[in-house]
Structures are given as structure tokens and as C-alpha cells.
Amino acid sequence: MKSLLLTFILGYATCANAQGNLVFEQEKMDLGNIIQHSGTGKLKLEVTNTGTTPVIITRTSTGDGGTFAEYQKEPISPGNKGIITFVYSTESLGPRSRTLSVTYGDGDHELYVSLPIKYQIILPPTSVEATSDQLVTKPLHFNEVDTIRFSFKNTGNKPLHMYYPNYYSINKEVLFVRLEITDSADNCRDVDYTTSCAPNDYIRATILLKNIYGGEKTINHTLDFVYNSLDTVSIPLTINSIEKATASTQVSPGQVCYYTNGELTQLDECQVNGKVTTSYYFNSGICTRTIRYEAYNKQQVVSHYAGNKVVKKENLPLKAD
């Protein structure tokens, strides 16, 4: 009986090992940034049959989004390599995350192997110059609005695409009442879209901002405008505040501001039912921390800022109401 059981175990092990096994040369692939309209991209990937029997690739999948895979129809012998070509489009802008899945078999078994692939389609690079290297508000009383106008010149040989830096209004570092971008032909564009101009033309920006900070001091910010190949042009902004806030709280549609010693220390975003969704915390006019309350997954997301960037993010249990 023991001899029969041993024979069965050895026989099963031999059968389990006697199958093909395809392995990608790498576990994941990052293609980096790819220029838009640069033609159909093709990435050749090697797979190795590390098993003991020949295998045949029967089908592949890459998900949707202008991608597919080409593969050889001939069997891949044990120890040999096969080529699978990942084909992708360069027409649509933005980041892409795809998974190349390969199904194969050796006649008795059907298996699959997959490889994550990511890349980003970006605009052709160009260069840009701002007509002002320093933006300064007039002396602003508390709650007063100022208008600042400046332009970006396209100094490259490709169209310049400028993006609205909406993260400033989100982080409450600078309160934009409106950002109006106008191209060289004086055609106004909505802030939800990219605006562009030809080489040697200008994009003119008009920013309206309100002194919600209070205090009698100077507050410094840096505005980072994203353009084309994910580059940025940075412009320092100085807000001159000459009056302290007169009220401990100020209520505006969906917002509650809290002041300590006449200076803004906290700003809450509220839903129509009065519940706070996001709180912004300030130190000397700079947003240092935000807490976003996500009731649907019972957590609060705490983001810590240094300058314009998030340097630390935490997911904490949601406090009870």
C-alpha cells in the first residue's frame, strides 16, 4: 500500500511539472511619458517557457482604451522565448494603466500570465515666458478684492497649452474668485478647459482674489501653472493685508471662516445640511493641513502641506458626530 501511494505521489508530481509555464522577463512595465500624436506605439515583450512541455498562446487581453496585443501562433518550446507585442495609441492625453493578460496551454492545461503596464500621453514640449516674474496685490483691507493681470508668451515652436491651477482654490492657499484665460485672439475660454496659443502668441490671465486672511502683514505664495509636457512655470505672489478681521466667524455660501487675533486660522466647507466636509487650517496665511471627511467609507483624510505640495497623507477613522 505504501509503495502504491508513493508511486501515485511521484506520478502526480511528474504530471504537475510536465506542463508549460510562461514567465515575462519583467514583472511590471512603466513606459514613462509619450508625446501625443507620435504614431502607434509598439512594445515588444519577451516571455520564456520555464516548463517542460511546449505551450501555445491562445489569446491575449489588454482591456479597452486603444490597446491590443500581437503574439506568435507557433508553439514555444521548453526553455525558449516568445515575443508578445503590446500595441497602444498615442491620440488621447493622460495617464494610462493597462494589464496585458496572456492565456496559453499545453494541450492538457490552460493557464495565464499578466503584466501591468503604465504610461502617460503628454503634449509636445514647448517653452514659455511670463510677462511678470512677481505678482503683488495692492494694500488690501479685510474682505477686499484685487485684480491682477499678466500674460504667458509661447517662446517655443509648438502650441502652448496652459492649465487652470484649480488646486489653489481647493487648498484655499489663494482664494480665486475667477481665473479668466484669454488667447491671443481675445477669445475667452472657460476655466474647465485647456487654452492654447500658437508660437509667439500670448495667453493672458486675469485673477481675482479676495483677502480672507485678515491680519496686518504680507503673505507670500507661489503660483505654479502647468503647461504642455507637464512642466510648470512658477510666479511668486505677494498679498498685502492691512486690516484685521473684525468678526470671529464669517459665513458665506457653504463656507465658515474662523479667525484668531484677527487672522484666518480655519476655513470649513459645508454641505447644504450644515455638515462639514472639509476643514482647512492656516498658519500665517499658508494652508498647512486639510481634513476631508468621507462619510461613505467612515474615514477622514488628513493632508499635510509644505508650500504648494502635500508631503504627508493619513487615513484615519471618522470621528463620531
C-alpha atoms as a PDB file:
ATOM      1  CA  MET A   1       0.000   0.000   0.000  1.00  0.00           C
ATOM      2  CA  LYS A   2       2.838   2.377   0.881  1.00  0.00           C
ATOM      3  CA  SER A   3       4.536   1.511  -2.425  1.00  0.00           C
ATOM      4  CA  LEU A   4       1.325   2.247  -4.324  1.00  0.00           C
ATOM      5  CA  LEU A   5       0.845   5.576  -2.515  1.00  0.00           C
ATOM      6  CA  LEU A   6       4.456   6.592  -3.209  1.00  0.00           C
ATOM      7  CA  THR A   7       4.019   5.715  -6.877  1.00  0.00           C
ATOM      8  CA  PHE A   8       0.868   7.857  -7.026  1.00  0.00           C
ATOM      9  CA  ILE A   9       2.599  10.852  -5.416  1.00  0.00           C
ATOM     10  CA  LEU A  10       5.612  10.624  -7.725  1.00  0.00           C
ATOM     11  CA  GLY A  11       3.347  10.226 -10.716  1.00  0.00           C
ATOM     12  CA  TYR A  12       1.308  13.290  -9.722  1.00  0.00           C
ATOM     13  CA  ALA A  13       4.454  15.377  -9.198  1.00  0.00           C
ATOM     14  CA  THR A  14       5.780  14.340 -12.624  1.00  0.00           C
ATOM     15  CA  CYS A  15       2.465  15.280 -14.229  1.00  0.00           C
ATOM     16  CA  ALA A  16       2.336  18.636 -12.407  1.00  0.00           C
ATOM     17  CA  ASN A  17       5.852  19.511 -13.534  1.00  0.00           C
ATOM     18  CA  ALA A  18       5.290  18.279 -17.061  1.00  0.00           C
ATOM     19  CA  GLN A  19       3.489  21.428 -18.177  1.00  0.00           C
ATOM     20  CA  GLY A  20       4.420  24.648 -19.785  1.00  0.00           C
ATOM     21  CA  ASN A  21       4.864  27.823 -17.780  1.00  0.00           C
ATOM     22  CA  LEU A  22       5.214  31.252 -19.410  1.00  0.00           C
ATOM     23  CA  VAL A  23       7.084  33.947 -17.489  1.00  0.00           C
ATOM     24  CA  PHE A  24       7.511  37.603 -18.503  1.00  0.00           C
ATOM     25  CA  GLU A  25      11.071  38.916 -18.396  1.00  0.00           C
ATOM     26  CA  GLN A  26       9.838  41.714 -16.100  1.00  0.00           C
ATOM     27  CA  GLU A  27       7.028  41.843 -13.542  1.00  0.00           C
ATOM     28  CA  LYS A  28       5.750  45.309 -14.496  1.00  0.00           C
ATOM     29  CA  MET A  29       6.461  47.936 -17.122  1.00  0.00           C
ATOM     30  CA  ASP A  30       6.496  51.745 -16.963  1.00  0.00           C
ATOM     31  CA  LEU A  31       6.831  53.379 -20.375  1.00  0.00           C
ATOM     32  CA  GLY A  32       7.045  56.888 -18.918  1.00  0.00           C
ATOM     33  CA  ASN A  33       5.865  59.952 -20.856  1.00  0.00           C
ATOM     34  CA  ILE A  34       4.948  59.572 -24.534  1.00  0.00           C
ATOM     35  CA  ILE A  35       4.326  62.513 -26.873  1.00  0.00           C
ATOM     36  CA  GLN A  36       0.786  62.807 -28.239  1.00  0.00           C
ATOM     37  CA  HIS A  37       0.238  62.024 -31.956  1.00  0.00           C
ATOM     38  CA  SER A  38       3.648  60.331 -32.175  1.00  0.00           C
ATOM     39  CA  GLY A  39       2.218  57.363 -34.063  1.00  0.00           C
ATOM     40  CA  THR A  40       1.078  53.939 -32.968  1.00  0.00           C
ATOM     41  CA  GLY A  41       3.356  52.640 -30.225  1.00  0.00           C
ATOM     42  CA  LYS A  42       4.646  49.076 -30.170  1.00  0.00           C
ATOM     43  CA  LEU A  43       6.420  47.465 -27.231  1.00  0.00           C
ATOM     44  CA  LYS A  44       7.979  44.016 -27.760  1.00  0.00           C
ATOM     45  CA  LEU A  45       7.969  41.847 -24.627  1.00  0.00           C
ATOM     46  CA  GLU A  46       9.702  38.509 -24.140  1.00  0.00           C
ATOM     47  CA  VAL A  47       8.126  35.540 -22.403  1.00  0.00           C
ATOM     48  CA  THR A  48      10.043  32.391 -21.519  1.00  0.00           C
ATOM     49  CA  ASN A  49       8.631  28.877 -21.279  1.00  0.00           C
ATOM     50  CA  THR A  50      10.139  27.665 -17.991  1.00  0.00           C
ATOM     51  CA  GLY A  51       8.143  24.446 -18.055  1.00  0.00           C
ATOM     52  CA  THR A  52       8.821  21.055 -19.527  1.00  0.00           C
ATOM     53  CA  THR A  53       6.290  20.927 -22.355  1.00  0.00           C
ATOM     54  CA  PRO A  54       5.654  23.192 -25.370  1.00  0.00           C
ATOM     55  CA  VAL A  55       2.912  25.792 -24.969  1.00  0.00           C
ATOM     56  CA  ILE A  56       0.750  27.708 -27.424  1.00  0.00           C
ATOM     57  CA  ILE A  57      -0.602  31.198 -26.748  1.00  0.00           C
ATOM     58  CA  THR A  58      -4.346  31.061 -27.361  1.00  0.00           C
ATOM     59  CA  ARG A  59      -5.465  34.642 -26.646  1.00  0.00           C
ATOM     60  CA  THR A  60      -4.463  37.977 -25.115  1.00  0.00           C
ATOM     61  CA  SER A  61      -6.278  40.839 -23.445  1.00  0.00           C
ATOM     62  CA  THR A  62      -5.226  44.416 -22.647  1.00  0.00           C
ATOM     63  CA  GLY A  63      -8.515  45.981 -21.603  1.00  0.00           C
ATOM     64  CA  ASP A  64     -10.056  48.811 -23.603  1.00  0.00           C
ATOM     65  CA  GLY A  65      -8.619  52.202 -24.478  1.00  0.00           C
ATOM     66  CA  GLY A  66      -6.905  51.860 -27.839  1.00  0.00           C
ATOM     67  CA  THR A  67      -4.615  48.949 -26.952  1.00  0.00           C
ATOM     68  CA  PHE A  68      -4.244  45.346 -28.061  1.00  0.00           C
ATOM     69  CA  ALA A  69      -1.560  42.690 -28.305  1.00  0.00           C
ATOM     70  CA  GLU A  70       0.029  40.730 -31.151  1.00  0.00           C
ATOM     71  CA  TYR A  71       1.556  37.311 -30.490  1.00  0.00           C
ATOM     72  CA  GLN A  72       3.140  34.373 -32.265  1.00  0.00           C
ATOM     73  CA  LYS A  73       0.965  31.408 -33.133  1.00  0.00           C
ATOM     74  CA  GLU A  74       3.793  28.821 -33.123  1.00  0.00           C
ATOM     75  CA  PRO A  75       4.403  26.685 -30.019  1.00  0.00           C
ATOM     76  CA  ILE A  76       7.071  27.888 -27.576  1.00  0.00           C
ATOM     77  CA  SER A  77       9.352  25.009 -26.641  1.00  0.00           C
ATOM     78  CA  PRO A  78      10.653  24.486 -23.082  1.00  0.00           C
ATOM     79  CA  GLY A  79      13.488  26.908 -22.355  1.00  0.00           C
ATOM     80  CA  ASN A  80      12.711  29.063 -25.415  1.00  0.00           C
ATOM     81  CA  LYS A  81      11.358  32.580 -25.658  1.00  0.00           C
ATOM     82  CA  GLY A  82       8.352  34.042 -27.406  1.00  0.00           C
ATOM     83  CA  ILE A  83       7.509  37.603 -28.393  1.00  0.00           C
ATOM     84  CA  ILE A  84       4.305  39.426 -27.473  1.00  0.00           C
ATOM     85  CA  THR A  85       3.861  42.958 -28.835  1.00  0.00           C
ATOM     86  CA  PHE A  86       1.815  45.470 -26.825  1.00  0.00           C
ATOM     87  CA  VAL A  87       0.253  47.990 -29.245  1.00  0.00           C
ATOM     88  CA  TYR A  88      -1.066  51.339 -27.991  1.00  0.00           C
ATOM     89  CA  SER A  89      -2.478  54.578 -29.357  1.00  0.00           C
ATOM     90  CA  THR A  90      -0.910  57.993 -28.686  1.00  0.00           C
ATOM     91  CA  GLU A  91      -4.006  60.061 -29.508  1.00  0.00           C
ATOM     92  CA  SER A  92      -5.664  60.667 -26.130  1.00  0.00           C
ATOM     93  CA  LEU A  93      -3.889  62.667 -23.422  1.00  0.00           C
ATOM     94  CA  GLY A  94      -3.495  61.500 -19.850  1.00  0.00           C
ATOM     95  CA  PRO A  95      -2.173  58.630 -17.728  1.00  0.00           C
ATOM     96  CA  ARG A  96      -2.860  55.050 -18.762  1.00  0.00           C
ATOM     97  CA  SER A  97      -2.841  51.865 -16.719  1.00  0.00           C
ATOM     98  CA  ARG A  98      -3.312  48.581 -18.574  1.00  0.00           C
ATOM     99  CA  THR A  99      -2.824  44.897 -17.791  1.00  0.00           C
ATOM    100  CA  LEU A 100      -1.561  42.628 -20.546  1.00  0.00           C
ATOM    101  CA  SER A 101      -3.045  39.174 -19.879  1.00  0.00           C
ATOM    102  CA  VAL A 102      -1.888  36.149 -21.873  1.00  0.00           C
ATOM    103  CA  THR A 103      -3.749  32.830 -21.942  1.00  0.00           C
ATOM    104  CA  TYR A 104      -1.772  29.759 -23.036  1.00  0.00           C
ATOM    105  CA  GLY A 105      -1.961  25.975 -22.908  1.00  0.00           C
ATOM    106  CA  ASP A 106      -0.020  22.753 -23.430  1.00  0.00           C
ATOM    107  CA  GLY A 107      -2.911  20.612 -24.586  1.00  0.00           C
ATOM    108  CA  ASP A 108      -3.958  19.424 -21.128  1.00  0.00           C
ATOM    109  CA  HIS A 109      -3.907  22.636 -19.120  1.00  0.00           C
ATOM    110  CA  GLU A 110      -4.865  26.260 -19.696  1.00  0.00           C
ATOM    111  CA  LEU A 111      -3.004  28.921 -17.727  1.00  0.00           C
ATOM    112  CA  TYR A 112      -2.423  32.646 -17.923  1.00  0.00           C
ATOM    113  CA  VAL A 113       0.187  35.238 -17.042  1.00  0.00           C
ATOM    114  CA  SER A 114      -0.243  39.008 -16.757  1.00  0.00           C
ATOM    115  CA  LEU A 115       1.942  42.121 -16.809  1.00  0.00           C
ATOM    116  CA  PRO A 116       0.892  45.601 -15.541  1.00  0.00           C
ATOM    117  CA  ILE A 117       1.808  48.372 -17.988  1.00  0.00           C
ATOM    118  CA  LYS A 118       1.512  52.100 -17.338  1.00  0.00           C
ATOM    119  CA  TYR A 119       2.386  55.194 -19.359  1.00  0.00           C
ATOM    120  CA  GLN A 120       1.242  58.767 -19.896  1.00  0.00           C
ATOM    121  CA  ILE A 121       0.431  60.585 -23.121  1.00  0.00           C
ATOM    122  CA  ILE A 122       1.612  64.213 -22.943  1.00  0.00           C
ATOM    123  CA  LEU A 123       1.628  67.227 -25.231  1.00  0.00           C
ATOM    124  CA  PRO A 124       4.736  68.105 -27.273  1.00  0.00           C
ATOM    125  CA  PRO A 125       7.137  70.197 -25.158  1.00  0.00           C
ATOM    126  CA  THR A 126       7.492  73.915 -25.712  1.00  0.00           C
ATOM    127  CA  SER A 127       8.864  76.869 -23.760  1.00  0.00           C
ATOM    128  CA  VAL A 128       7.058  79.742 -22.096  1.00  0.00           C
ATOM    129  CA  GLU A 129       7.866  83.095 -20.549  1.00  0.00           C
ATOM    130  CA  ALA A 130       5.680  85.017 -18.105  1.00  0.00           C
ATOM    131  CA  THR A 131       5.435  88.763 -18.630  1.00  0.00           C
ATOM    132  CA  SER A 132       5.777  89.236 -14.875  1.00  0.00           C
ATOM    133  CA  ASP A 133       8.150  87.431 -12.540  1.00  0.00           C
ATOM    134  CA  GLN A 134       6.483  88.819  -9.410  1.00  0.00           C
ATOM    135  CA  LEU A 135       2.787  89.436  -8.694  1.00  0.00           C
ATOM    136  CA  VAL A 136       1.903  91.877  -5.912  1.00  0.00           C
ATOM    137  CA  THR A 137      -1.549  92.948  -4.740  1.00  0.00           C
ATOM    138  CA  LYS A 138      -2.395  96.472  -3.774  1.00  0.00           C
ATOM    139  CA  PRO A 139      -2.776  97.051   0.006  1.00  0.00           C
ATOM    140  CA  LEU A 140      -5.950  95.094   0.762  1.00  0.00           C
ATOM    141  CA  HIS A 141      -8.389  95.688   3.566  1.00  0.00           C
ATOM    142  CA  PHE A 142     -10.017  92.601   5.031  1.00  0.00           C
ATOM    143  CA  ASN A 143     -12.528  91.081   2.573  1.00  0.00           C
ATOM    144  CA  GLU A 144     -11.377  93.380  -0.258  1.00  0.00           C
ATOM    145  CA  VAL A 145     -10.833  92.051  -3.790  1.00  0.00           C
ATOM    146  CA  ASP A 146      -7.930  92.814  -6.119  1.00  0.00           C
ATOM    147  CA  THR A 147      -7.458  92.076  -9.826  1.00  0.00           C
ATOM    148  CA  ILE A 148      -4.088  91.003 -11.226  1.00  0.00           C
ATOM    149  CA  ARG A 149      -3.428  90.596 -14.949  1.00  0.00           C
ATOM    150  CA  PHE A 150      -0.408  89.058 -16.634  1.00  0.00           C
ATOM    151  CA  SER A 151       0.474  87.027 -19.738  1.00  0.00           C
ATOM    152  CA  PHE A 152       2.348  83.938 -20.866  1.00  0.00           C
ATOM    153  CA  LYS A 153       4.260  84.097 -24.152  1.00  0.00           C
ATOM    154  CA  ASN A 154       4.783  80.949 -26.186  1.00  0.00           C
ATOM    155  CA  THR A 155       8.513  81.097 -26.962  1.00  0.00           C
ATOM    156  CA  GLY A 156       8.700  77.590 -28.410  1.00  0.00           C
ATOM    157  CA  ASN A 157       7.781  76.141 -31.796  1.00  0.00           C
ATOM    158  CA  LYS A 158       4.752  74.092 -30.679  1.00  0.00           C
ATOM    159  CA  PRO A 159       1.314  75.259 -29.497  1.00  0.00           C
ATOM    160  CA  LEU A 160       1.263  76.316 -25.862  1.00  0.00           C
ATOM    161  CA  HIS A 161      -1.435  74.694 -23.703  1.00  0.00           C
ATOM    162  CA  MET A 162      -1.948  76.268 -20.285  1.00  0.00           C
ATOM    163  CA  TYR A 163      -3.896  74.612 -17.484  1.00  0.00           C
ATOM    164  CA  TYR A 164      -6.033  76.255 -14.833  1.00  0.00           C
ATOM    165  CA  PRO A 165      -4.340  75.663 -11.449  1.00  0.00           C
ATOM    166  CA  ASN A 166      -7.552  74.808  -9.625  1.00  0.00           C
ATOM    167  CA  TYR A 167      -5.715  73.221  -6.709  1.00  0.00           C
ATOM    168  CA  TYR A 168      -5.146  76.680  -5.254  1.00  0.00           C
ATOM    169  CA  SER A 169      -8.836  77.280  -4.758  1.00  0.00           C
ATOM    170  CA  ILE A 170      -9.239  73.725  -3.455  1.00  0.00           C
ATOM    171  CA  ASN A 171      -6.437  74.060  -0.897  1.00  0.00           C
ATOM    172  CA  LYS A 172      -7.524  77.594  -0.010  1.00  0.00           C
ATOM    173  CA  GLU A 173      -3.934  78.836  -0.251  1.00  0.00           C
ATOM    174  CA  VAL A 174      -5.182  81.523  -2.633  1.00  0.00           C
ATOM    175  CA  LEU A 175      -8.876  82.150  -2.987  1.00  0.00           C
ATOM    176  CA  PHE A 176      -9.588  82.560  -6.690  1.00  0.00           C
ATOM    177  CA  VAL A 177     -12.916  84.193  -7.334  1.00  0.00           C
ATOM    178  CA  ARG A 178     -12.329  83.773 -11.052  1.00  0.00           C
ATOM    179  CA  LEU A 179      -9.497  82.803 -13.357  1.00  0.00           C
ATOM    180  CA  GLU A 180     -10.197  84.034 -16.851  1.00  0.00           C
ATOM    181  CA  ILE A 181      -7.819  82.963 -19.608  1.00  0.00           C
ATOM    182  CA  THR A 182      -7.932  84.677 -22.988  1.00  0.00           C
ATOM    183  CA  ASP A 183      -5.922  83.631 -26.026  1.00  0.00           C
ATOM    184  CA  SER A 184      -4.165  85.981 -28.453  1.00  0.00           C
ATOM    185  CA  ALA A 185      -7.358  86.485 -30.476  1.00  0.00           C
ATOM    186  CA  ASP A 186      -9.233  87.680 -27.363  1.00  0.00           C
ATOM    187  CA  ASN A 187     -11.329  84.521 -27.327  1.00  0.00           C
ATOM    188  CA  CYS A 188     -12.369  83.733 -23.754  1.00  0.00           C
ATOM    189  CA  ARG A 189     -12.194  80.110 -22.573  1.00  0.00           C
ATOM    190  CA  ASP A 190     -13.969  78.506 -19.629  1.00  0.00           C
ATOM    191  CA  VAL A 191     -11.668  77.627 -16.762  1.00  0.00           C
ATOM    192  CA  ASP A 192     -12.640  73.954 -17.026  1.00  0.00           C
ATOM    193  CA  TYR A 193     -10.751  73.629 -20.304  1.00  0.00           C
ATOM    194  CA  THR A 194      -7.216  73.998 -21.561  1.00  0.00           C
ATOM    195  CA  THR A 195      -6.484  77.122 -23.555  1.00  0.00           C
ATOM    196  CA  SER A 196      -3.763  77.228 -26.175  1.00  0.00           C
ATOM    197  CA  CYS A 197      -1.927  79.653 -28.451  1.00  0.00           C
ATOM    198  CA  ALA A 198       0.470  79.437 -31.376  1.00  0.00           C
ATOM    199  CA  PRO A 199       4.219  80.159 -31.180  1.00  0.00           C
ATOM    200  CA  ASN A 200       4.998  83.826 -30.393  1.00  0.00           C
ATOM    201  CA  ASP A 201       1.399  84.429 -29.253  1.00  0.00           C
ATOM    202  CA  TYR A 202       0.201  85.074 -25.703  1.00  0.00           C
ATOM    203  CA  ILE A 203      -2.196  83.654 -23.171  1.00  0.00           C
ATOM    204  CA  ARG A 204      -3.460  86.434 -20.930  1.00  0.00           C
ATOM    205  CA  ALA A 205      -4.654  85.580 -17.433  1.00  0.00           C
ATOM    206  CA  THR A 206      -6.890  87.620 -15.147  1.00  0.00           C
ATOM    207  CA  ILE A 207      -7.005  86.578 -11.494  1.00  0.00           C
ATOM    208  CA  LEU A 208      -9.432  87.975  -8.940  1.00  0.00           C
ATOM    209  CA  LEU A 209      -8.556  87.198  -5.328  1.00  0.00           C
ATOM    210  CA  LYS A 210     -10.026  88.203  -2.002  1.00  0.00           C
ATOM    211  CA  ASN A 211      -8.213  88.970   1.216  1.00  0.00           C
ATOM    212  CA  ILE A 212      -9.884  86.454   3.519  1.00  0.00           C
ATOM    213  CA  TYR A 213      -6.774  86.104   5.693  1.00  0.00           C
ATOM    214  CA  GLY A 214      -7.029  89.209   7.858  1.00  0.00           C
ATOM    215  CA  GLY A 215      -4.037  90.475   9.833  1.00  0.00           C
ATOM    216  CA  GLU A 216      -1.761  93.396   9.089  1.00  0.00           C
ATOM    217  CA  LYS A 217       1.098  91.761   7.205  1.00  0.00           C
ATOM    218  CA  THR A 218       2.458  90.425   3.940  1.00  0.00           C
ATOM    219  CA  ILE A 219       1.559  86.889   2.815  1.00  0.00           C
ATOM    220  CA  ASN A 220       3.693  85.114   0.181  1.00  0.00           C
ATOM    221  CA  HIS A 221       2.570  82.370  -2.181  1.00  0.00           C
ATOM    222  CA  THR A 222       3.879  80.712  -5.335  1.00  0.00           C
ATOM    223  CA  LEU A 223       1.559  80.082  -8.280  1.00  0.00           C
ATOM    224  CA  ASP A 224       2.515  77.033 -10.362  1.00  0.00           C
ATOM    225  CA  PHE A 225       0.883  76.895 -13.803  1.00  0.00           C
ATOM    226  CA  VAL A 226       1.115  73.547 -15.596  1.00  0.00           C
ATOM    227  CA  TYR A 227       1.643  73.501 -19.361  1.00  0.00           C
ATOM    228  CA  ASN A 228       2.267  71.056 -22.205  1.00  0.00           C
ATOM    229  CA  SER A 229       4.660  68.270 -21.218  1.00  0.00           C
ATOM    230  CA  LEU A 230       3.736  68.539 -17.521  1.00  0.00           C
ATOM    231  CA  ASP A 231       6.257  71.327 -16.950  1.00  0.00           C
ATOM    232  CA  THR A 232       5.415  74.275 -14.724  1.00  0.00           C
ATOM    233  CA  VAL A 233       6.047  77.993 -14.748  1.00  0.00           C
ATOM    234  CA  SER A 234       6.165  79.419 -11.221  1.00  0.00           C
ATOM    235  CA  ILE A 235       5.248  83.000 -10.314  1.00  0.00           C
ATOM    236  CA  PRO A 236       5.593  84.411  -6.779  1.00  0.00           C
ATOM    237  CA  LEU A 237       2.535  86.204  -5.420  1.00  0.00           C
ATOM    238  CA  THR A 238       2.537  88.663  -2.523  1.00  0.00           C
ATOM    239  CA  ILE A 239      -0.709  89.598  -0.764  1.00  0.00           C
ATOM    240  CA  ASN A 240      -0.574  92.810   1.262  1.00  0.00           C
ATOM    241  CA  SER A 241      -3.114  92.693   4.087  1.00  0.00           C
ATOM    242  CA  ILE A 242      -3.609  95.937   6.012  1.00  0.00           C
ATOM    243  CA  GLU A 243      -6.610  95.182   8.221  1.00  0.00           C
ATOM    244  CA  LYS A 244      -7.515  92.516  10.733  1.00  0.00           C
ATOM    245  CA  ALA A 245     -10.754  90.592  10.511  1.00  0.00           C
ATOM    246  CA  THR A 246     -13.455  92.233  12.586  1.00  0.00           C
ATOM    247  CA  ALA A 247     -15.526  89.123  13.279  1.00  0.00           C
ATOM    248  CA  SER A 248     -14.603  85.815  14.877  1.00  0.00           C
ATOM    249  CA  THR A 249     -16.540  83.957  12.162  1.00  0.00           C
ATOM    250  CA  GLN A 250     -17.672  84.866   8.700  1.00  0.00           C
ATOM    251  CA  VAL A 251     -20.333  82.830   6.914  1.00  0.00           C
ATOM    252  CA  SER A 252     -20.539  82.703   3.133  1.00  0.00           C
ATOM    253  CA  PRO A 253     -22.408  80.166   0.945  1.00  0.00           C
ATOM    254  CA  GLY A 254     -21.072  76.794   2.033  1.00  0.00           C
ATOM    255  CA  GLN A 255     -18.126  78.248   3.970  1.00  0.00           C
ATOM    256  CA  VAL A 256     -17.401  79.201   7.556  1.00  0.00           C
ATOM    257  CA  CYS A 257     -14.207  81.136   8.400  1.00  0.00           C
ATOM    258  CA  TYR A 258     -12.656  81.221  11.861  1.00  0.00           C
ATOM    259  CA  TYR A 259     -10.253  83.949  12.980  1.00  0.00           C
ATOM    260  CA  THR A 260      -7.831  84.148  15.898  1.00  0.00           C
ATOM    261  CA  ASN A 261      -6.426  87.573  16.790  1.00  0.00           C
ATOM    262  CA  GLY A 262      -7.840  88.887  13.518  1.00  0.00           C
ATOM    263  CA  GLU A 263      -6.121  86.285  11.307  1.00  0.00           C
ATOM    264  CA  LEU A 264      -7.629  83.329   9.461  1.00  0.00           C
ATOM    265  CA  THR A 265      -6.825  80.038  11.197  1.00  0.00           C
ATOM    266  CA  GLN A 266      -9.520  77.670   9.903  1.00  0.00           C
ATOM    267  CA  LEU A 267     -11.956  77.501   6.980  1.00  0.00           C
ATOM    268  CA  ASP A 268     -14.715  74.879   6.807  1.00  0.00           C
ATOM    269  CA  GLU A 269     -16.513  73.710   3.667  1.00  0.00           C
ATOM    270  CA  CYS A 270     -20.087  72.666   4.473  1.00  0.00           C
ATOM    271  CA  GLN A 271     -22.824  70.738   2.736  1.00  0.00           C
ATOM    272  CA  VAL A 272     -26.324  72.136   2.389  1.00  0.00           C
ATOM    273  CA  ASN A 273     -27.342  70.237   5.523  1.00  0.00           C
ATOM    274  CA  GLY A 274     -24.659  72.067   7.504  1.00  0.00           C
ATOM    275  CA  LYS A 275     -22.267  69.129   7.866  1.00  0.00           C
ATOM    276  CA  VAL A 276     -18.590  69.936   7.452  1.00  0.00           C
ATOM    277  CA  THR A 277     -16.993  68.094   4.516  1.00  0.00           C
ATOM    278  CA  THR A 278     -13.501  69.640   4.532  1.00  0.00           C
ATOM    279  CA  SER A 279     -11.579  71.797   7.006  1.00  0.00           C
ATOM    280  CA  TYR A 280      -8.544  73.896   6.035  1.00  0.00           C
ATOM    281  CA  TYR A 281      -6.060  75.006   8.691  1.00  0.00           C
ATOM    282  CA  PHE A 282      -3.853  78.083   8.228  1.00  0.00           C
ATOM    283  CA  ASN A 283      -0.683  79.433   9.758  1.00  0.00           C
ATOM    284  CA  SER A 284       0.370  82.970   8.765  1.00  0.00           C
ATOM    285  CA  GLY A 285      -1.824  82.829   5.660  1.00  0.00           C
ATOM    286  CA  ILE A 286      -0.496  79.464   4.469  1.00  0.00           C
ATOM    287  CA  CYS A 287      -2.604  76.296   4.356  1.00  0.00           C
ATOM    288  CA  THR A 288      -0.699  73.718   6.427  1.00  0.00           C
ATOM    289  CA  ARG A 289      -3.262  70.941   6.797  1.00  0.00           C
ATOM    290  CA  THR A 290      -6.634  69.799   5.474  1.00  0.00           C
ATOM    291  CA  ILE A 291      -9.069  67.237   6.810  1.00  0.00           C
ATOM    292  CA  ARG A 292     -11.605  65.785   4.383  1.00  0.00           C
ATOM    293  CA  TYR A 293     -14.494  63.871   5.954  1.00  0.00           C
ATOM    294  CA  GLU A 294     -15.627  60.884   3.894  1.00  0.00           C
ATOM    295  CA  ALA A 295     -18.845  59.618   5.439  1.00  0.00           C
ATOM    296  CA  TYR A 296     -19.371  56.877   2.837  1.00  0.00           C
ATOM    297  CA  ASN A 297     -16.257  54.939   3.905  1.00  0.00           C
ATOM    298  CA  LYS A 298     -16.162  56.150   7.510  1.00  0.00           C
ATOM    299  CA  GLN A 299     -12.783  57.847   7.390  1.00  0.00           C
ATOM    300  CA  GLN A 300     -11.109  61.227   7.415  1.00  0.00           C
ATOM    301  CA  VAL A 301      -8.229  62.011   5.070  1.00  0.00           C
ATOM    302  CA  VAL A 302      -5.639  64.301   6.643  1.00  0.00           C
ATOM    303  CA  SER A 303      -3.247  66.035   4.223  1.00  0.00           C
ATOM    304  CA  HIS A 304      -0.198  67.946   5.467  1.00  0.00           C
ATOM    305  CA  TYR A 305       1.226  70.682   3.206  1.00  0.00           C
ATOM    306  CA  ALA A 306       4.639  72.232   2.719  1.00  0.00           C
ATOM    307  CA  GLY A 307       4.351  75.095   0.261  1.00  0.00           C
ATOM    308  CA  ASN A 308       2.039  74.011  -2.552  1.00  0.00           C
ATOM    309  CA  LYS A 309       2.625  70.279  -2.138  1.00  0.00           C
ATOM    310  CA  VAL A 310       1.186  67.516   0.021  1.00  0.00           C
ATOM    311  CA  VAL A 311       4.069  65.994   1.991  1.00  0.00           C
ATOM    312  CA  LYS A 312       2.067  63.533   4.077  1.00  0.00           C
ATOM    313  CA  LYS A 313      -1.390  61.980   3.855  1.00  0.00           C
ATOM    314  CA  GLU A 314      -3.149  59.949   6.526  1.00  0.00           C
ATOM    315  CA  ASN A 315      -6.390  57.935   6.525  1.00  0.00           C
ATOM    316  CA  LEU A 316      -7.939  57.958   9.985  1.00  0.00           C
ATOM    317  CA  PRO A 317     -11.233  56.590  11.383  1.00  0.00           C
ATOM    318  CA  LEU A 318     -14.080  59.059  11.116  1.00  0.00           C
ATOM    319  CA  LYS A 319     -14.929  60.764  14.406  1.00  0.00           C
ATOM    320  CA  ALA A 320     -18.427  60.294  15.711  1.00  0.00           C
ATOM    321  CA  ASP A 321     -20.863  63.147  15.099  1.00  0.00           C
END
